[in-house]
Amino acid sequence: MSKIEELAERVERLLLRHEEVKRTNTLLEQQLAAVVQERDSLRSRLNAARSRLDALLERLPDDKSMPATSDSGDSAR
């Protein structure tokens, strides 16, 4: 086989490989976009849950305002 034919085959293989890599890259970009969207959604849900927890914590009475209660004796068992 001549050098030119070998070079032509090699170029063809490289072109095919390049197309495969481009397709793989496109798929990976799509997957990344989906994961980024899911991450952003989870962050938003986390922040909303944090806000709800903060609001609930603010509604709890302070320790100072709670009356002192005696043990009912349950710990003496």
PDB file of N, CA and C in Angstrom:
ATOM      1  N   MET A   1       0.856  -1.179   0.000  1.00  0.00           N
ATOM      2  CA  MET A   1       0.000   0.000   0.000  1.00  0.00           C
ATOM      3  C   MET A   1       0.895   1.233   0.000  1.00  0.00           C
ATOM      4  N   SER A   2       0.537   2.186  -0.805  1.00  0.00           N
ATOM      5  CA  SER A   2       1.382   3.379  -0.914  1.00  0.00           C
ATOM      6  C   SER A   2       1.180   4.287   0.290  1.00  0.00           C
ATOM      7  N   LYS A   3       2.147   5.149   0.456  1.00  0.00           N
ATOM      8  CA  LYS A   3       2.100   6.094   1.577  1.00  0.00           C
ATOM      9  C   LYS A   3       0.861   6.984   1.500  1.00  0.00           C
ATOM     10  N   ILE A   4       0.481   7.349   0.299  1.00  0.00           N
ATOM     11  CA  ILE A   4      -0.682   8.234   0.138  1.00  0.00           C
ATOM     12  C   ILE A   4      -1.954   7.500   0.536  1.00  0.00           C
ATOM     13  N   GLU A   5      -2.068   6.226   0.151  1.00  0.00           N
ATOM     14  CA  GLU A   5      -3.246   5.441   0.536  1.00  0.00           C
ATOM     15  C   GLU A   5      -3.305   5.270   2.051  1.00  0.00           C
ATOM     16  N   GLU A   6      -2.164   5.001   2.672  1.00  0.00           N
ATOM     17  CA  GLU A   6      -2.108   4.867   4.129  1.00  0.00           C
ATOM     18  C   GLU A   6      -2.526   6.167   4.803  1.00  0.00           C
ATOM     19  N   LEU A   7      -2.016   7.252   4.270  1.00  0.00           N
ATOM     20  CA  LEU A   7      -2.357   8.565   4.822  1.00  0.00           C
ATOM     21  C   LEU A   7      -3.850   8.854   4.648  1.00  0.00           C
ATOM     22  N   ALA A   8      -4.400   8.495   3.503  1.00  0.00           N
ATOM     23  CA  ALA A   8      -5.828   8.711   3.240  1.00  0.00           C
ATOM     24  C   ALA A   8      -6.683   7.885   4.201  1.00  0.00           C
ATOM     25  N   GLU A   9      -6.297   6.631   4.436  1.00  0.00           N
ATOM     26  CA  GLU A   9      -7.021   5.786   5.396  1.00  0.00           C
ATOM     27  C   GLU A   9      -6.950   6.368   6.802  1.00  0.00           C
ATOM     28  N   ARG A  10      -5.777   6.814   7.156  1.00  0.00           N
ATOM     29  CA  ARG A  10      -5.600   7.400   8.490  1.00  0.00           C
ATOM     30  C   ARG A  10      -6.464   8.654   8.651  1.00  0.00           C
ATOM     31  N   VAL A  11      -6.499   9.474   7.620  1.00  0.00           N
ATOM     32  CA  VAL A  11      -7.329  10.685   7.658  1.00  0.00           C
ATOM     33  C   VAL A  11      -8.798  10.299   7.790  1.00  0.00           C
ATOM     34  N   GLU A  12      -9.230   9.268   7.053  1.00  0.00           N
ATOM     35  CA  GLU A  12     -10.622   8.807   7.142  1.00  0.00           C
ATOM     36  C   GLU A  12     -10.947   8.336   8.559  1.00  0.00           C
ATOM     37  N   ARG A  13     -10.040   7.565   9.157  1.00  0.00           N
ATOM     38  CA  ARG A  13     -10.260   7.091  10.529  1.00  0.00           C
ATOM     39  C   ARG A  13     -10.327   8.259  11.498  1.00  0.00           C
ATOM     40  N   LEU A  14      -9.442   9.230  11.291  1.00  0.00           N
ATOM     41  CA  LEU A  14      -9.459  10.410  12.159  1.00  0.00           C
ATOM     42  C   LEU A  14     -10.757  11.201  12.007  1.00  0.00           C
ATOM     43  N   LEU A  15     -11.247  11.312  10.783  1.00  0.00           N
ATOM     44  CA  LEU A  15     -12.514  12.017  10.555  1.00  0.00           C
ATOM     45  C   LEU A  15     -13.679  11.289  11.229  1.00  0.00           C
ATOM     46  N   LEU A  16     -13.692   9.960  11.106  1.00  0.00           N
ATOM     47  CA  LEU A  16     -14.738   9.182  11.771  1.00  0.00           C
ATOM     48  C   LEU A  16     -14.665   9.344  13.288  1.00  0.00           C
ATOM     49  N   ARG A  17     -13.452   9.272  13.793  1.00  0.00           N
ATOM     50  CA  ARG A  17     -13.267   9.431  15.245  1.00  0.00           C
ATOM     51  C   ARG A  17     -13.698  10.824  15.689  1.00  0.00           C
ATOM     52  N   HIS A  18     -13.390  11.816  14.878  1.00  0.00           N
ATOM     53  CA  HIS A  18     -13.777  13.189  15.198  1.00  0.00           C
ATOM     54  C   HIS A  18     -15.301  13.309  15.282  1.00  0.00           C
ATOM     55  N   GLU A  19     -16.003  12.704  14.335  1.00  0.00           N
ATOM     56  CA  GLU A  19     -17.472  12.738  14.353  1.00  0.00           C
ATOM     57  C   GLU A  19     -18.014  12.033  15.597  1.00  0.00           C
ATOM     58  N   GLU A  20     -17.422  10.909  15.961  1.00  0.00           N
ATOM     59  CA  GLU A  20     -17.843  10.190  17.169  1.00  0.00           C
ATOM     60  C   GLU A  20     -17.641  11.053  18.408  1.00  0.00           C
ATOM     61  N   VAL A  21     -16.495  11.706  18.470  1.00  0.00           N
ATOM     62  CA  VAL A  21     -16.194  12.560  19.623  1.00  0.00           C
ATOM     63  C   VAL A  21     -17.167  13.736  19.684  1.00  0.00           C
ATOM     64  N   LYS A  22     -17.503  14.301  18.527  1.00  0.00           N
ATOM     65  CA  LYS A  22     -18.472  15.405  18.496  1.00  0.00           C
ATOM     66  C   LYS A  22     -19.840  14.948  18.998  1.00  0.00           C
ATOM     67  N   ARG A  23     -20.277  13.754  18.564  1.00  0.00           N
ATOM     68  CA  ARG A  23     -21.571  13.223  19.027  1.00  0.00           C
ATOM     69  C   ARG A  23     -21.539  12.979  20.533  1.00  0.00           C
ATOM     70  N   THR A  24     -20.451  12.387  21.001  1.00  0.00           N
ATOM     71  CA  THR A  24     -20.315  12.141  22.434  1.00  0.00           C
ATOM     72  C   THR A  24     -20.330  13.450  23.207  1.00  0.00           C
ATOM     73  N   ASN A  25     -19.636  14.439  22.698  1.00  0.00           N
ATOM     74  CA  ASN A  25     -19.586  15.743  23.352  1.00  0.00           C
ATOM     75  C   ASN A  25     -20.979  16.370  23.426  1.00  0.00           C
ATOM     76  N   THR A  26     -21.745  16.259  22.348  1.00  0.00           N
ATOM     77  CA  THR A  26     -23.109  16.799  22.335  1.00  0.00           C
ATOM     78  C   THR A  26     -23.973  16.111  23.390  1.00  0.00           C
ATOM     79  N   LEU A  27     -23.861  14.784  23.469  1.00  0.00           N
ATOM     80  CA  LEU A  27     -24.625  14.045  24.479  1.00  0.00           C
ATOM     81  C   LEU A  27     -24.210  14.454  25.889  1.00  0.00           C
ATOM     82  N   LEU A  28     -22.913  14.601  26.098  1.00  0.00           N
ATOM     83  CA  LEU A  28     -22.431  15.009  27.421  1.00  0.00           C
ATOM     84  C   LEU A  28     -22.906  16.415  27.777  1.00  0.00           C
ATOM     85  N   GLU A  29     -22.936  17.304  26.796  1.00  0.00           N
ATOM     86  CA  GLU A  29     -23.437  18.658  27.050  1.00  0.00           C
ATOM     87  C   GLU A  29     -24.906  18.628  27.441  1.00  0.00           C
ATOM     88  N   GLN A  30     -25.684  17.763  26.788  1.00  0.00           N
ATOM     89  CA  GLN A  30     -27.099  17.638  27.139  1.00  0.00           C
ATOM     90  C   GLN A  30     -27.265  17.086  28.555  1.00  0.00           C
ATOM     91  N   GLN A  31     -26.470  16.077  28.884  1.00  0.00           N
ATOM     92  CA  GLN A  31     -26.537  15.504  30.229  1.00  0.00           C
ATOM     93  C   GLN A  31     -26.134  16.533  31.269  1.00  0.00           C
ATOM     94  N   LEU A  32     -25.097  17.297  30.970  1.00  0.00           N
ATOM     95  CA  LEU A  32     -24.645  18.327  31.898  1.00  0.00           C
ATOM     96  C   LEU A  32     -25.731  19.371  32.118  1.00  0.00           C
ATOM     97  N   ALA A  33     -26.384  19.784  31.043  1.00  0.00           N
ATOM     98  CA  ALA A  33     -27.458  20.773  31.166  1.00  0.00           C
ATOM     99  C   ALA A  33     -28.580  20.234  32.049  1.00  0.00           C
ATOM    100  N   ALA A  34     -28.918  18.959  31.889  1.00  0.00           N
ATOM    101  CA  ALA A  34     -29.972  18.357  32.712  1.00  0.00           C
ATOM    102  C   ALA A  34     -29.553  18.308  34.175  1.00  0.00           C
ATOM    103  N   VAL A  35     -28.304  17.947  34.430  1.00  0.00           N
ATOM    104  CA  VAL A  35     -27.814  17.866  35.807  1.00  0.00           C
ATOM    105  C   VAL A  35     -27.755  19.255  36.442  1.00  0.00           C
ATOM    106  N   VAL A  36     -27.337  20.244  35.671  1.00  0.00           N
ATOM    107  CA  VAL A  36     -27.290  21.621  36.183  1.00  0.00           C
ATOM    108  C   VAL A  36     -28.698  22.090  36.532  1.00  0.00           C
ATOM    109  N   GLN A  37     -29.656  21.780  35.673  1.00  0.00           N
ATOM    110  CA  GLN A  37     -31.046  22.171  35.943  1.00  0.00           C
ATOM    111  C   GLN A  37     -31.557  21.475  37.205  1.00  0.00           C
ATOM    112  N   GLU A  38     -31.248  20.191  37.357  1.00  0.00           N
ATOM    113  CA  GLU A  38     -31.669  19.457  38.551  1.00  0.00           C
ATOM    114  C   GLU A  38     -31.014  20.039  39.798  1.00  0.00           C
ATOM    115  N   ARG A  39     -29.718  20.360  39.703  1.00  0.00           N
ATOM    116  CA  ARG A  39     -29.015  20.965  40.836  1.00  0.00           C
ATOM    117  C   ARG A  39     -29.664  22.284  41.234  1.00  0.00           C
ATOM    118  N   ASP A  40     -29.957  23.120  40.249  1.00  0.00           N
ATOM    119  CA  ASP A  40     -30.571  24.411  40.539  1.00  0.00           C
ATOM    120  C   ASP A  40     -31.942  24.239  41.179  1.00  0.00           C
ATOM    121  N   SER A  41     -32.695  23.263  40.701  1.00  0.00           N
ATOM    122  CA  SER A  41     -34.008  22.983  41.280  1.00  0.00           C
ATOM    123  C   SER A  41     -33.866  22.516  42.728  1.00  0.00           C
ATOM    124  N   LEU A  42     -32.907  21.638  42.975  1.00  0.00           N
ATOM    125  CA  LEU A  42     -32.683  21.152  44.340  1.00  0.00           C
ATOM    126  C   LEU A  42     -32.220  22.277  45.259  1.00  0.00           C
ATOM    127  N   ARG A  43     -31.373  23.165  44.749  1.00  0.00           N
ATOM    128  CA  ARG A  43     -30.941  24.319  45.551  1.00  0.00           C
ATOM    129  C   ARG A  43     -32.129  25.192  45.922  1.00  0.00           C
ATOM    130  N   SER A  44     -33.003  25.400  44.955  1.00  0.00           N
ATOM    131  CA  SER A  44     -34.190  26.220  45.197  1.00  0.00           C
ATOM    132  C   SER A  44     -35.073  25.569  46.258  1.00  0.00           C
ATOM    133  N   ARG A  45     -35.282  24.265  46.138  1.00  0.00           N
ATOM    134  CA  ARG A  45     -36.089  23.549  47.138  1.00  0.00           C
ATOM    135  C   ARG A  45     -35.427  23.599  48.508  1.00  0.00           C
ATOM    136  N   LEU A  46     -34.107  23.461  48.538  1.00  0.00           N
ATOM    137  CA  LEU A  46     -33.381  23.532  49.803  1.00  0.00           C
ATOM    138  C   LEU A  46     -33.550  24.898  50.449  1.00  0.00           C
ATOM    139  N   ASN A  47     -33.408  25.951  49.657  1.00  0.00           N
ATOM    140  CA  ASN A  47     -33.561  27.299  50.201  1.00  0.00           C
ATOM    141  C   ASN A  47     -34.981  27.532  50.706  1.00  0.00           C
ATOM    142  N   ALA A  48     -35.973  27.018  49.995  1.00  0.00           N
ATOM    143  CA  ALA A  48     -37.361  27.154  50.444  1.00  0.00           C
ATOM    144  C   ALA A  48     -37.569  26.404  51.757  1.00  0.00           C
ATOM    145  N   ALA A  49     -37.018  25.206  51.854  1.00  0.00           N
ATOM    146  CA  ALA A  49     -37.144  24.429  53.091  1.00  0.00           C
ATOM    147  C   ALA A  49     -36.429  25.135  54.236  1.00  0.00           C
ATOM    148  N   ARG A  50     -35.266  25.702  53.949  1.00  0.00           N
ATOM    149  CA  ARG A  50     -34.534  26.459  54.974  1.00  0.00           C
ATOM    150  C   ARG A  50     -35.366  27.627  55.486  1.00  0.00           C
ATOM    151  N   SER A  51     -35.999  28.333  54.560  1.00  0.00           N
ATOM    152  CA  SER A  51     -36.837  29.472  54.944  1.00  0.00           C
ATOM    153  C   SER A  51     -37.996  29.021  55.819  1.00  0.00           C
ATOM    154  N   ARG A  52     -38.612  27.896  55.446  1.00  0.00           N
ATOM    155  CA  ARG A  52     -39.721  27.386  56.267  1.00  0.00           C
ATOM    156  C   ARG A  52     -39.233  26.994  57.654  1.00  0.00           C
ATOM    157  N   LEU A  53     -38.069  26.345  57.717  1.00  0.00           N
ATOM    158  CA  LEU A  53     -37.515  25.966  59.024  1.00  0.00           C
ATOM    159  C   LEU A  53     -37.187  27.195  59.862  1.00  0.00           C
ATOM    160  N   ASP A  54     -36.593  28.198  59.235  1.00  0.00           N
ATOM    161  CA  ASP A  54     -36.280  29.432  59.961  1.00  0.00           C
ATOM    162  C   ASP A  54     -37.552  30.065  60.511  1.00  0.00           C
ATOM    163  N   ALA A  55     -38.618  30.080  59.710  1.00  0.00           N
ATOM    164  CA  ALA A  55     -39.889  30.649  60.166  1.00  0.00           C
ATOM    165  C   ALA A  55     -40.447  29.845  61.334  1.00  0.00           C
ATOM    166  N   LEU A  56     -40.343  28.526  61.261  1.00  0.00           N
ATOM    167  CA  LEU A  56     -40.822  27.692  62.367  1.00  0.00           C
ATOM    168  C   LEU A  56     -39.984  27.902  63.619  1.00  0.00           C
ATOM    169  N   LEU A  57     -38.670  28.016  63.445  1.00  0.00           N
ATOM    170  CA  LEU A  57     -37.797  28.236  64.602  1.00  0.00           C
ATOM    171  C   LEU A  57     -38.102  29.563  65.278  1.00  0.00           C
ATOM    172  N   GLU A  58     -38.447  30.569  64.499  1.00  0.00           N
ATOM    173  CA  GLU A  58     -38.779  31.869  65.078  1.00  0.00           C
ATOM    174  C   GLU A  58     -40.063  31.805  65.890  1.00  0.00           C
ATOM    175  N   ARG A  59     -40.939  30.882  65.555  1.00  0.00           N
ATOM    176  CA  ARG A  59     -42.199  30.750  66.285  1.00  0.00           C
ATOM    177  C   ARG A  59     -42.029  30.010  67.601  1.00  0.00           C
ATOM    178  N   LEU A  60     -40.920  29.293  67.766  1.00  0.00           N
ATOM    179  CA  LEU A  60     -40.684  28.575  69.021  1.00  0.00           C
ATOM    180  C   LEU A  60     -40.424  29.571  70.137  1.00  0.00           C
ATOM    181  N   PRO A  61     -40.885  29.241  71.343  1.00  0.00           N
ATOM    182  CA  PRO A  61     -40.620  30.149  72.464  1.00  0.00           C
ATOM    183  C   PRO A  61     -39.142  30.109  72.841  1.00  0.00           C
ATOM    184  N   ASP A  62     -38.665  31.222  73.372  1.00  0.00           N
ATOM    185  CA  ASP A  62     -37.294  31.270  73.876  1.00  0.00           C
ATOM    186  C   ASP A  62     -37.187  30.397  75.112  1.00  0.00           C
ATOM    187  N   ASP A  63     -35.993  29.915  75.410  1.00  0.00           N
ATOM    188  CA  ASP A  63     -35.780  29.108  76.610  1.00  0.00           C
ATOM    189  C   ASP A  63     -36.116  29.899  77.865  1.00  0.00           C
ATOM    190  N   LYS A  64     -35.846  31.199  77.859  1.00  0.00           N
ATOM    191  CA  LYS A  64     -36.080  32.036  79.034  1.00  0.00           C
ATOM    192  C   LYS A  64     -37.564  32.154  79.351  1.00  0.00           C
ATOM    193  N   SER A  65     -38.389  32.129  78.335  1.00  0.00           N
ATOM    194  CA  SER A  65     -39.818  32.323  78.563  1.00  0.00           C
ATOM    195  C   SER A  65     -40.542  31.025  78.904  1.00  0.00           C
ATOM    196  N   MET A  66     -39.849  29.892  78.834  1.00  0.00           N
ATOM    197  CA  MET A  66     -40.487  28.619  79.161  1.00  0.00           C
ATOM    198  C   MET A  66     -40.481  28.426  80.667  1.00  0.00           C
ATOM    199  N   PRO A  67     -41.601  28.029  81.246  1.00  0.00           N
ATOM    200  CA  PRO A  67     -41.634  27.794  82.693  1.00  0.00           C
ATOM    201  C   PRO A  67     -40.805  26.566  83.040  1.00  0.00           C
ATOM    202  N   ALA A  68     -40.202  26.609  84.208  1.00  0.00           N
ATOM    203  CA  ALA A  68     -39.409  25.473  84.670  1.00  0.00           C
ATOM    204  C   ALA A  68     -40.357  24.351  85.047  1.00  0.00           C
ATOM    205  N   THR A  69     -40.084  23.158  84.560  1.00  0.00           N
ATOM    206  CA  THR A  69     -40.924  22.008  84.897  1.00  0.00           C
ATOM    207  C   THR A  69     -40.078  20.996  85.622  1.00  0.00           C
ATOM    208  N   SER A  70     -40.704  20.303  86.553  1.00  0.00           N
ATOM    209  CA  SER A  70     -39.965  19.276  87.285  1.00  0.00           C
ATOM    210  C   SER A  70     -40.057  17.973  86.527  1.00  0.00           C
ATOM    211  N   ASP A  71     -39.058  17.096  86.735  1.00  0.00           N
ATOM    212  CA  ASP A  71     -39.088  15.778  86.108  1.00  0.00           C
ATOM    213  C   ASP A  71     -40.254  14.988  86.667  1.00  0.00           C
ATOM    214  N   SER A  72     -40.837  14.163  85.868  1.00  0.00           N
ATOM    215  CA  SER A  72     -41.962  13.351  86.325  1.00  0.00           C
ATOM    216  C   SER A  72     -41.484  12.063  86.972  1.00  0.00           C
ATOM    217  N   GLY A  73     -40.177  11.913  87.091  1.00  0.00           N
ATOM    218  CA  GLY A  73     -39.636  10.722  87.729  1.00  0.00           C
ATOM    219  C   GLY A  73     -39.344   9.610  86.750  1.00  0.00           C
ATOM    220  N   ASP A  74     -39.548   9.841  85.491  1.00  0.00           N
ATOM    221  CA  ASP A  74     -39.299   8.805  84.492  1.00  0.00           C
ATOM    222  C   ASP A  74     -37.833   8.425  84.418  1.00  0.00           C
ATOM    223  N   SER A  75     -36.950   9.359  84.714  1.00  0.00           N
ATOM    224  CA  SER A  75     -35.522   9.061  84.587  1.00  0.00           C
ATOM    225  C   SER A  75     -34.995   8.249  85.762  1.00  0.00           C
ATOM    226  N   ALA A  76     -35.791   8.063  86.799  1.00  0.00           N
ATOM    227  CA  ALA A  76     -35.330   7.330  87.984  1.00  0.00           C
ATOM    228  C   ALA A  76     -35.514   5.836  87.828  1.00  0.00           C
ATOM    229  N   ARG A  77     -36.044   5.380  86.757  1.00  0.00           N
ATOM    230  CA  ARG A  77     -36.288   3.944  86.571  1.00  0.00           C
ATOM    231  C   ARG A  77     -35.045   3.178  86.466  1.00  0.00           C
TER     232      ARG A  77
END
